[in-house]
Amino acid sequence: MEHAFEIAAIAAEAAVVGLLIYRRAWRKLPVFFVYCVWALLSDSTASAVKHFSAAGYGINFYLAVTIVDFALQFSVLVELAWSVLRPLRTWLSPRALVAIAALFLVAGAAIWPFAGIASIATTSRIYHLTIQLQQTASILRVLFFLLLAGSSHVLSLGWRDRELQVASGFGFYSLVSLAVAGLNTHVTGPQFRNLYYVVAVSFLCSLFYWVFSFAQQEAERQEFTPRMQTMLLALAGTARVTRVAFADQAGKPREPNGF
């Protein structure tokens, strides 16, 4: 059954990559496209090593893959947030992208100490670090999905918009992963393996959802509501005024424009 899940996941990942190319969605979400290609290559490599090598792959290899995976998923969240703000691009400086990345870094740093706590006393340091990375990424994805879905009305986002489709797939898989992580400390043996299959099924569901979503034509993006547009521009203006004030205090020349 485990081998069947691997084959199904690799086939679904290949379908997602193909649809991203066919629909030219990779131009709009290039980082997500890179993440999907990475997932396809890493899962294919891991499956081949596990089934054709007697030694398999160790925890160090798994940690390295997890670090790259975390970096790409973090970048995807930043890309999605920047893409959501596309109707305001003419008023925003590219420095706004740096500010968005900084916000995600702060959120990740706040989550990090609380992720993977259950595994501290019972596993090796490397294994715990791997779990901590995975859970930090999962919590970030869930929070971003909830924020995006909760504000979809004012952001003029619908379920046919690529940003919400990608975030929904990540959100569902991450919620199941976190729920299973919470149950792992209370189960052993066969029950633990069954929980692993639950996570695998949730990942497959997210992949199939992306296949279905990217097989459809994307809806034309609507403009922000006047209230949301005013609020975002006000936030950008406040941030600029604060930055200029700090520049004045430091004796730096004011910049004529920018975020």
C-alpha atoms as a PDB file:
ATOM      1  CA  MET A   1       0.000   0.000   0.000  1.00  0.00           C
ATOM      2  CA  GLU A   2       2.854   2.361   0.808  1.00  0.00           C
ATOM      3  CA  HIS A   3       4.358   1.778  -2.628  1.00  0.00           C
ATOM      4  CA  ALA A   4       0.960   2.464  -4.236  1.00  0.00           C
ATOM      5  CA  PHE A   5       0.740   5.794  -2.394  1.00  0.00           C
ATOM      6  CA  GLU A   6       4.213   6.743  -3.615  1.00  0.00           C
ATOM      7  CA  ILE A   7       3.371   5.951  -7.240  1.00  0.00           C
ATOM      8  CA  ALA A   8       0.062   7.841  -7.027  1.00  0.00           C
ATOM      9  CA  ALA A   9       1.732  10.880  -5.446  1.00  0.00           C
ATOM     10  CA  ILE A  10       4.502  11.000  -8.059  1.00  0.00           C
ATOM     11  CA  ALA A  11       1.943  10.671 -10.880  1.00  0.00           C
ATOM     12  CA  ALA A  12      -0.197  13.448  -9.381  1.00  0.00           C
ATOM     13  CA  GLU A  13       2.859  15.707  -8.917  1.00  0.00           C
ATOM     14  CA  ALA A  14       3.803  15.135 -12.561  1.00  0.00           C
ATOM     15  CA  ALA A  15       0.230  16.032 -13.580  1.00  0.00           C
ATOM     16  CA  VAL A  16       0.366  19.261 -11.544  1.00  0.00           C
ATOM     17  CA  VAL A  17       3.688  20.241 -13.162  1.00  0.00           C
ATOM     18  CA  GLY A  18       2.294  19.475 -16.607  1.00  0.00           C
ATOM     19  CA  LEU A  19      -0.843  21.534 -15.996  1.00  0.00           C
ATOM     20  CA  LEU A  20       1.194  24.461 -14.660  1.00  0.00           C
ATOM     21  CA  ILE A  21       3.094  24.447 -17.933  1.00  0.00           C
ATOM     22  CA  TYR A  22       0.003  23.884 -20.085  1.00  0.00           C
ATOM     23  CA  ARG A  23      -1.989  26.667 -18.410  1.00  0.00           C
ATOM     24  CA  ARG A  24       1.123  28.882 -18.263  1.00  0.00           C
ATOM     25  CA  ALA A  25       0.445  29.340 -14.564  1.00  0.00           C
ATOM     26  CA  TRP A  26       4.175  28.997 -13.934  1.00  0.00           C
ATOM     27  CA  ARG A  27       4.572  32.575 -15.203  1.00  0.00           C
ATOM     28  CA  LYS A  28       2.275  33.880 -12.484  1.00  0.00           C
ATOM     29  CA  LEU A  29       3.554  31.586  -9.712  1.00  0.00           C
ATOM     30  CA  PRO A  30       7.134  30.644 -10.672  1.00  0.00           C
ATOM     31  CA  VAL A  31       8.194  29.747  -7.118  1.00  0.00           C
ATOM     32  CA  PHE A  32       5.242  27.385  -6.723  1.00  0.00           C
ATOM     33  CA  PHE A  33       6.202  25.825 -10.045  1.00  0.00           C
ATOM     34  CA  VAL A  34       9.772  25.315  -8.805  1.00  0.00           C
ATOM     35  CA  TYR A  35       8.391  23.791  -5.598  1.00  0.00           C
ATOM     36  CA  CYS A  36       6.241  21.321  -7.566  1.00  0.00           C
ATOM     37  CA  VAL A  37       9.216  20.322  -9.753  1.00  0.00           C
ATOM     38  CA  TRP A  38      11.324  19.903  -6.620  1.00  0.00           C
ATOM     39  CA  ALA A  39       8.634  17.763  -4.950  1.00  0.00           C
ATOM     40  CA  LEU A  40       8.415  15.559  -8.038  1.00  0.00           C
ATOM     41  CA  LEU A  41      12.190  15.096  -8.281  1.00  0.00           C
ATOM     42  CA  SER A  42      12.793  14.602  -4.552  1.00  0.00           C
ATOM     43  CA  ASP A  43       9.929  12.120  -4.118  1.00  0.00           C
ATOM     44  CA  SER A  44      10.991  10.178  -7.215  1.00  0.00           C
ATOM     45  CA  THR A  45      14.593  10.051  -6.001  1.00  0.00           C
ATOM     46  CA  ALA A  46      13.616   9.022  -2.462  1.00  0.00           C
ATOM     47  CA  SER A  47      11.321   6.287  -3.782  1.00  0.00           C
ATOM     48  CA  ALA A  48      14.022   4.946  -6.095  1.00  0.00           C
ATOM     49  CA  VAL A  49      16.655   4.950  -3.352  1.00  0.00           C
ATOM     50  CA  LYS A  50      14.333   3.201  -0.915  1.00  0.00           C
ATOM     51  CA  HIS A  51      13.285   0.452  -3.318  1.00  0.00           C
ATOM     52  CA  PHE A  52      16.557  -0.171  -5.172  1.00  0.00           C
ATOM     53  CA  SER A  53      19.131   0.395  -2.448  1.00  0.00           C
ATOM     54  CA  ALA A  54      19.502  -1.987   0.465  1.00  0.00           C
ATOM     55  CA  ALA A  55      20.931   0.792   2.639  1.00  0.00           C
ATOM     56  CA  GLY A  56      18.055   3.185   1.913  1.00  0.00           C
ATOM     57  CA  TYR A  57      18.446   6.795   2.979  1.00  0.00           C
ATOM     58  CA  GLY A  58      19.258   8.004   6.466  1.00  0.00           C
ATOM     59  CA  ILE A  59      17.936  10.739   8.687  1.00  0.00           C
ATOM     60  CA  ASN A  60      20.619  13.202   7.500  1.00  0.00           C
ATOM     61  CA  PHE A  61      19.354  12.912   3.928  1.00  0.00           C
ATOM     62  CA  TYR A  62      15.783  13.355   5.155  1.00  0.00           C
ATOM     63  CA  LEU A  63      16.791  16.468   7.142  1.00  0.00           C
ATOM     64  CA  ALA A  64      18.507  18.000   4.095  1.00  0.00           C
ATOM     65  CA  VAL A  65      15.406  17.393   1.965  1.00  0.00           C
ATOM     66  CA  THR A  66      13.204  18.874   4.695  1.00  0.00           C
ATOM     67  CA  ILE A  67      15.331  22.046   4.881  1.00  0.00           C
ATOM     68  CA  VAL A  68      15.085  22.615   1.126  1.00  0.00           C
ATOM     69  CA  ASP A  69      11.370  21.820   1.249  1.00  0.00           C
ATOM     70  CA  PHE A  70      10.847  24.305   4.092  1.00  0.00           C
ATOM     71  CA  ALA A  71      12.726  27.065   2.242  1.00  0.00           C
ATOM     72  CA  LEU A  72      10.667  26.527  -0.910  1.00  0.00           C
ATOM     73  CA  GLN A  73       7.348  26.397   0.954  1.00  0.00           C
ATOM     74  CA  PHE A  74       8.250  29.591   2.810  1.00  0.00           C
ATOM     75  CA  SER A  75       9.040  31.242  -0.536  1.00  0.00           C
ATOM     76  CA  VAL A  76       5.722  30.001  -1.975  1.00  0.00           C
ATOM     77  CA  LEU A  77       3.800  31.670   0.872  1.00  0.00           C
ATOM     78  CA  VAL A  78       5.632  34.948   0.248  1.00  0.00           C
ATOM     79  CA  GLU A  79       4.899  34.641  -3.470  1.00  0.00           C
ATOM     80  CA  LEU A  80       1.197  33.986  -2.834  1.00  0.00           C
ATOM     81  CA  ALA A  81       0.929  37.006  -0.528  1.00  0.00           C
ATOM     82  CA  TRP A  82       2.659  39.208  -3.123  1.00  0.00           C
ATOM     83  CA  SER A  83       0.439  37.844  -5.887  1.00  0.00           C
ATOM     84  CA  VAL A  84      -2.690  38.619  -3.845  1.00  0.00           C
ATOM     85  CA  LEU A  85      -1.607  42.270  -3.791  1.00  0.00           C
ATOM     86  CA  ARG A  86      -1.304  42.369  -7.583  1.00  0.00           C
ATOM     87  CA  PRO A  87      -4.087  44.980  -8.039  1.00  0.00           C
ATOM     88  CA  LEU A  88      -2.013  47.387  -5.913  1.00  0.00           C
ATOM     89  CA  ARG A  89       1.335  46.773  -7.593  1.00  0.00           C
ATOM     90  CA  THR A  90       1.360  50.197  -9.257  1.00  0.00           C
ATOM     91  CA  TRP A  91       1.297  51.874  -5.821  1.00  0.00           C
ATOM     92  CA  LEU A  92       3.706  49.542  -4.047  1.00  0.00           C
ATOM     93  CA  SER A  93       7.475  49.510  -4.215  1.00  0.00           C
ATOM     94  CA  PRO A  94       9.340  46.204  -4.604  1.00  0.00           C
ATOM     95  CA  ARG A  95      10.437  46.769  -1.008  1.00  0.00           C
ATOM     96  CA  ALA A  96       6.939  45.699  -0.001  1.00  0.00           C
ATOM     97  CA  LEU A  97       7.962  42.182  -1.024  1.00  0.00           C
ATOM     98  CA  VAL A  98      10.835  42.353   1.470  1.00  0.00           C
ATOM     99  CA  ALA A  99       8.397  43.515   4.150  1.00  0.00           C
ATOM    100  CA  ILE A 100       6.101  40.540   3.434  1.00  0.00           C
ATOM    101  CA  ALA A 101       9.022  38.111   3.697  1.00  0.00           C
ATOM    102  CA  ALA A 102      10.041  39.741   6.992  1.00  0.00           C
ATOM    103  CA  LEU A 103       6.525  39.271   8.378  1.00  0.00           C
ATOM    104  CA  PHE A 104       6.628  35.567   7.521  1.00  0.00           C
ATOM    105  CA  LEU A 105      10.073  35.269   9.122  1.00  0.00           C
ATOM    106  CA  VAL A 106       8.776  36.869  12.321  1.00  0.00           C
ATOM    107  CA  ALA A 107       5.766  34.527  12.324  1.00  0.00           C
ATOM    108  CA  GLY A 108       7.996  31.506  11.733  1.00  0.00           C
ATOM    109  CA  ALA A 109      10.359  32.565  14.531  1.00  0.00           C
ATOM    110  CA  ALA A 110       7.377  32.911  16.895  1.00  0.00           C
ATOM    111  CA  ILE A 111       6.079  29.439  15.958  1.00  0.00           C
ATOM    112  CA  TRP A 112       9.458  27.672  16.042  1.00  0.00           C
ATOM    113  CA  PRO A 113       9.831  27.236  19.846  1.00  0.00           C
ATOM    114  CA  PHE A 114       6.408  25.560  20.098  1.00  0.00           C
ATOM    115  CA  ALA A 115       6.751  23.201  17.120  1.00  0.00           C
ATOM    116  CA  GLY A 116       7.780  19.587  17.700  1.00  0.00           C
ATOM    117  CA  ILE A 117       7.753  19.849  21.509  1.00  0.00           C
ATOM    118  CA  ALA A 118       6.311  16.348  21.925  1.00  0.00           C
ATOM    119  CA  SER A 119       9.349  14.729  20.307  1.00  0.00           C
ATOM    120  CA  ILE A 120      12.046  16.417  22.413  1.00  0.00           C
ATOM    121  CA  ALA A 121      12.345  13.759  25.117  1.00  0.00           C
ATOM    122  CA  THR A 122      11.967  10.669  22.969  1.00  0.00           C
ATOM    123  CA  THR A 123      13.965  11.202  19.777  1.00  0.00           C
ATOM    124  CA  SER A 124      17.389  12.228  18.530  1.00  0.00           C
ATOM    125  CA  ARG A 125      18.273  15.868  18.016  1.00  0.00           C
ATOM    126  CA  ILE A 126      18.357  15.529  14.211  1.00  0.00           C
ATOM    127  CA  TYR A 127      14.973  13.824  14.119  1.00  0.00           C
ATOM    128  CA  HIS A 128      13.486  16.463  16.391  1.00  0.00           C
ATOM    129  CA  LEU A 129      14.880  19.258  14.197  1.00  0.00           C
ATOM    130  CA  THR A 130      13.269  17.621  11.164  1.00  0.00           C
ATOM    131  CA  ILE A 131       9.895  17.387  12.918  1.00  0.00           C
ATOM    132  CA  GLN A 132      10.236  20.970  14.157  1.00  0.00           C
ATOM    133  CA  LEU A 133      10.828  22.250  10.615  1.00  0.00           C
ATOM    134  CA  GLN A 134       7.875  20.285   9.271  1.00  0.00           C
ATOM    135  CA  GLN A 135       5.473  21.470  11.964  1.00  0.00           C
ATOM    136  CA  THR A 136       6.620  25.090  11.725  1.00  0.00           C
ATOM    137  CA  ALA A 137       5.940  24.998   7.984  1.00  0.00           C
ATOM    138  CA  SER A 138       2.560  23.316   8.551  1.00  0.00           C
ATOM    139  CA  ILE A 139       1.452  25.931  11.089  1.00  0.00           C
ATOM    140  CA  LEU A 140       2.544  28.767   8.792  1.00  0.00           C
ATOM    141  CA  ARG A 141       0.597  27.243   5.890  1.00  0.00           C
ATOM    142  CA  VAL A 142      -2.536  26.780   8.005  1.00  0.00           C
ATOM    143  CA  LEU A 143      -2.401  30.334   9.371  1.00  0.00           C
ATOM    144  CA  PHE A 144      -1.886  31.772   5.893  1.00  0.00           C
ATOM    145  CA  PHE A 145      -4.781  29.754   4.479  1.00  0.00           C
ATOM    146  CA  LEU A 146      -7.119  30.819   7.296  1.00  0.00           C
ATOM    147  CA  LEU A 147      -6.104  34.461   6.857  1.00  0.00           C
ATOM    148  CA  LEU A 148      -6.535  34.310   3.088  1.00  0.00           C
ATOM    149  CA  ALA A 149      -9.858  32.446   3.211  1.00  0.00           C
ATOM    150  CA  GLY A 150     -11.197  34.662   5.997  1.00  0.00           C
ATOM    151  CA  SER A 151     -10.382  37.863   4.110  1.00  0.00           C
ATOM    152  CA  SER A 152     -11.232  36.544   0.625  1.00  0.00           C
ATOM    153  CA  HIS A 153     -14.264  38.828   0.337  1.00  0.00           C
ATOM    154  CA  VAL A 154     -12.414  42.074   0.962  1.00  0.00           C
ATOM    155  CA  LEU A 155      -9.460  40.817  -1.104  1.00  0.00           C
ATOM    156  CA  SER A 156     -11.839  40.030  -3.995  1.00  0.00           C
ATOM    157  CA  LEU A 157     -10.634  36.425  -4.112  1.00  0.00           C
ATOM    158  CA  GLY A 158     -12.724  33.463  -5.232  1.00  0.00           C
ATOM    159  CA  TRP A 159     -12.132  29.723  -5.277  1.00  0.00           C
ATOM    160  CA  ARG A 160     -11.150  29.950  -8.944  1.00  0.00           C
ATOM    161  CA  ASP A 161      -8.232  32.262  -8.164  1.00  0.00           C
ATOM    162  CA  ARG A 162      -4.900  30.451  -8.230  1.00  0.00           C
ATOM    163  CA  GLU A 163      -3.697  31.979  -4.952  1.00  0.00           C
ATOM    164  CA  LEU A 164      -6.629  30.591  -2.979  1.00  0.00           C
ATOM    165  CA  GLN A 165      -6.438  27.239  -4.775  1.00  0.00           C
ATOM    166  CA  VAL A 166      -2.783  26.769  -3.857  1.00  0.00           C
ATOM    167  CA  ALA A 167      -3.338  27.948  -0.282  1.00  0.00           C
ATOM    168  CA  SER A 168      -6.353  25.624   0.096  1.00  0.00           C
ATOM    169  CA  GLY A 169      -4.357  22.567  -0.947  1.00  0.00           C
ATOM    170  CA  PHE A 170      -1.566  23.463   1.472  1.00  0.00           C
ATOM    171  CA  GLY A 171      -4.051  24.272   4.239  1.00  0.00           C
ATOM    172  CA  PHE A 172      -5.930  20.969   4.079  1.00  0.00           C
ATOM    173  CA  TYR A 173      -2.796  18.829   4.032  1.00  0.00           C
ATOM    174  CA  SER A 174      -1.220  20.872   6.827  1.00  0.00           C
ATOM    175  CA  LEU A 175      -4.287  20.635   9.080  1.00  0.00           C
ATOM    176  CA  VAL A 176      -4.305  16.846   8.766  1.00  0.00           C
ATOM    177  CA  SER A 177      -0.539  16.683   9.366  1.00  0.00           C
ATOM    178  CA  LEU A 178      -0.815  18.740  12.546  1.00  0.00           C
ATOM    179  CA  ALA A 179      -3.730  16.669  13.800  1.00  0.00           C
ATOM    180  CA  VAL A 180      -1.787  13.451  13.209  1.00  0.00           C
ATOM    181  CA  ALA A 181       1.310  14.941  14.886  1.00  0.00           C
ATOM    182  CA  GLY A 182      -0.798  15.613  17.961  1.00  0.00           C
ATOM    183  CA  LEU A 183      -2.025  12.002  18.009  1.00  0.00           C
ATOM    184  CA  ASN A 184       1.396  10.443  17.458  1.00  0.00           C
ATOM    185  CA  THR A 185       2.299  10.706  21.143  1.00  0.00           C
ATOM    186  CA  HIS A 186      -0.742   8.592  22.105  1.00  0.00           C
ATOM    187  CA  VAL A 187      -0.425   5.697  19.646  1.00  0.00           C
ATOM    188  CA  THR A 188       2.124   2.983  18.873  1.00  0.00           C
ATOM    189  CA  GLY A 189       2.705   0.146  16.424  1.00  0.00           C
ATOM    190  CA  PRO A 190      -0.004  -0.461  13.803  1.00  0.00           C
ATOM    191  CA  GLN A 191      -1.960   2.618  14.866  1.00  0.00           C
ATOM    192  CA  PHE A 192       1.032   4.824  14.088  1.00  0.00           C
ATOM    193  CA  ARG A 193       1.271   3.294  10.610  1.00  0.00           C
ATOM    194  CA  ASN A 194      -2.436   3.894  10.018  1.00  0.00           C
ATOM    195  CA  LEU A 195      -1.963   7.556  10.922  1.00  0.00           C
ATOM    196  CA  TYR A 196       0.848   7.721   8.374  1.00  0.00           C
ATOM    197  CA  TYR A 197      -1.609   6.542   5.722  1.00  0.00           C
ATOM    198  CA  VAL A 198      -4.050   9.277   6.777  1.00  0.00           C
ATOM    199  CA  VAL A 199      -1.361  11.898   6.112  1.00  0.00           C
ATOM    200  CA  ALA A 200      -0.521  10.253   2.774  1.00  0.00           C
ATOM    201  CA  VAL A 201      -4.180  10.289   1.735  1.00  0.00           C
ATOM    202  CA  SER A 202      -4.529  13.971   2.690  1.00  0.00           C
ATOM    203  CA  PHE A 203      -1.460  14.816   0.592  1.00  0.00           C
ATOM    204  CA  LEU A 204      -2.931  12.910  -2.349  1.00  0.00           C
ATOM    205  CA  CYS A 205      -6.226  14.763  -1.927  1.00  0.00           C
ATOM    206  CA  SER A 206      -4.394  18.094  -2.074  1.00  0.00           C
ATOM    207  CA  LEU A 207      -2.550  17.008  -5.217  1.00  0.00           C
ATOM    208  CA  PHE A 208      -5.775  15.831  -6.875  1.00  0.00           C
ATOM    209  CA  TYR A 209      -7.422  19.114  -5.906  1.00  0.00           C
ATOM    210  CA  TRP A 210      -4.592  21.014  -7.599  1.00  0.00           C
ATOM    211  CA  VAL A 211      -4.905  18.808 -10.682  1.00  0.00           C
ATOM    212  CA  PHE A 212      -8.628  19.561 -10.832  1.00  0.00           C
ATOM    213  CA  SER A 213      -8.091  23.278 -10.170  1.00  0.00           C
ATOM    214  CA  PHE A 214      -5.318  23.832 -12.709  1.00  0.00           C
ATOM    215  CA  ALA A 215      -7.226  21.841 -15.313  1.00  0.00           C
ATOM    216  CA  GLN A 216      -9.797  24.665 -15.226  1.00  0.00           C
ATOM    217  CA  GLN A 217      -9.344  28.090 -16.739  1.00  0.00           C
ATOM    218  CA  GLU A 218      -8.486  30.684 -14.125  1.00  0.00           C
ATOM    219  CA  ALA A 219     -11.107  33.333 -13.385  1.00  0.00           C
ATOM    220  CA  GLU A 220     -10.221  36.920 -14.189  1.00  0.00           C
ATOM    221  CA  ARG A 221      -8.904  38.626 -11.088  1.00  0.00           C
ATOM    222  CA  GLN A 222     -11.239  41.273  -9.663  1.00  0.00           C
ATOM    223  CA  GLU A 223     -10.083  44.582  -8.272  1.00  0.00           C
ATOM    224  CA  PHE A 224      -9.979  45.174  -4.531  1.00  0.00           C
ATOM    225  CA  THR A 225     -13.010  46.647  -2.870  1.00  0.00           C
ATOM    226  CA  PRO A 226     -12.621  50.414  -2.286  1.00  0.00           C
ATOM    227  CA  ARG A 227     -12.437  49.831   1.480  1.00  0.00           C
ATOM    228  CA  MET A 228      -9.627  47.301   1.173  1.00  0.00           C
ATOM    229  CA  GLN A 229      -7.729  49.432  -1.326  1.00  0.00           C
ATOM    230  CA  THR A 230      -7.893  52.453   0.963  1.00  0.00           C
ATOM    231  CA  MET A 231      -6.766  50.433   3.977  1.00  0.00           C
ATOM    232  CA  LEU A 232      -3.791  48.854   2.198  1.00  0.00           C
ATOM    233  CA  LEU A 233      -2.638  52.158   0.770  1.00  0.00           C
ATOM    234  CA  ALA A 234      -2.955  53.738   4.210  1.00  0.00           C
ATOM    235  CA  LEU A 235      -0.812  50.955   5.691  1.00  0.00           C
ATOM    236  CA  ALA A 236       1.783  51.450   2.966  1.00  0.00           C
ATOM    237  CA  GLY A 237       1.780  55.212   3.607  1.00  0.00           C
ATOM    238  CA  THR A 238       2.208  54.722   7.354  1.00  0.00           C
ATOM    239  CA  ALA A 239       5.120  52.361   6.803  1.00  0.00           C
ATOM    240  CA  ARG A 240       6.782  54.877   4.493  1.00  0.00           C
ATOM    241  CA  VAL A 241       6.358  57.744   6.957  1.00  0.00           C
ATOM    242  CA  THR A 242       7.885  55.615   9.731  1.00  0.00           C
ATOM    243  CA  ARG A 243      10.829  54.658   7.541  1.00  0.00           C
ATOM    244  CA  VAL A 244      11.493  58.278   6.568  1.00  0.00           C
ATOM    245  CA  ALA A 245      11.349  59.328  10.227  1.00  0.00           C
ATOM    246  CA  PHE A 246      13.985  56.747  11.145  1.00  0.00           C
ATOM    247  CA  ALA A 247      16.103  57.922   8.220  1.00  0.00           C
ATOM    248  CA  ASP A 248      15.894  61.513   9.476  1.00  0.00           C
ATOM    249  CA  GLN A 249      16.944  60.479  12.978  1.00  0.00           C
ATOM    250  CA  ALA A 250      19.920  58.634  11.578  1.00  0.00           C
ATOM    251  CA  GLY A 251      20.901  61.585   9.425  1.00  0.00           C
ATOM    252  CA  LYS A 252      20.186  59.798   6.198  1.00  0.00           C
ATOM    253  CA  PRO A 253      18.739  61.594   3.175  1.00  0.00           C
ATOM    254  CA  ARG A 254      15.068  61.045   2.466  1.00  0.00           C
ATOM    255  CA  GLU A 255      14.121  58.851  -0.443  1.00  0.00           C
ATOM    256  CA  PRO A 256      11.651  60.477  -2.864  1.00  0.00           C
ATOM    257  CA  ASN A 257       9.382  57.438  -3.067  1.00  0.00           C
ATOM    258  CA  GLY A 258       9.092  53.741  -2.312  1.00  0.00           C
ATOM    259  CA  PHE A 259       7.657  51.578   0.399  1.00  0.00           C
END
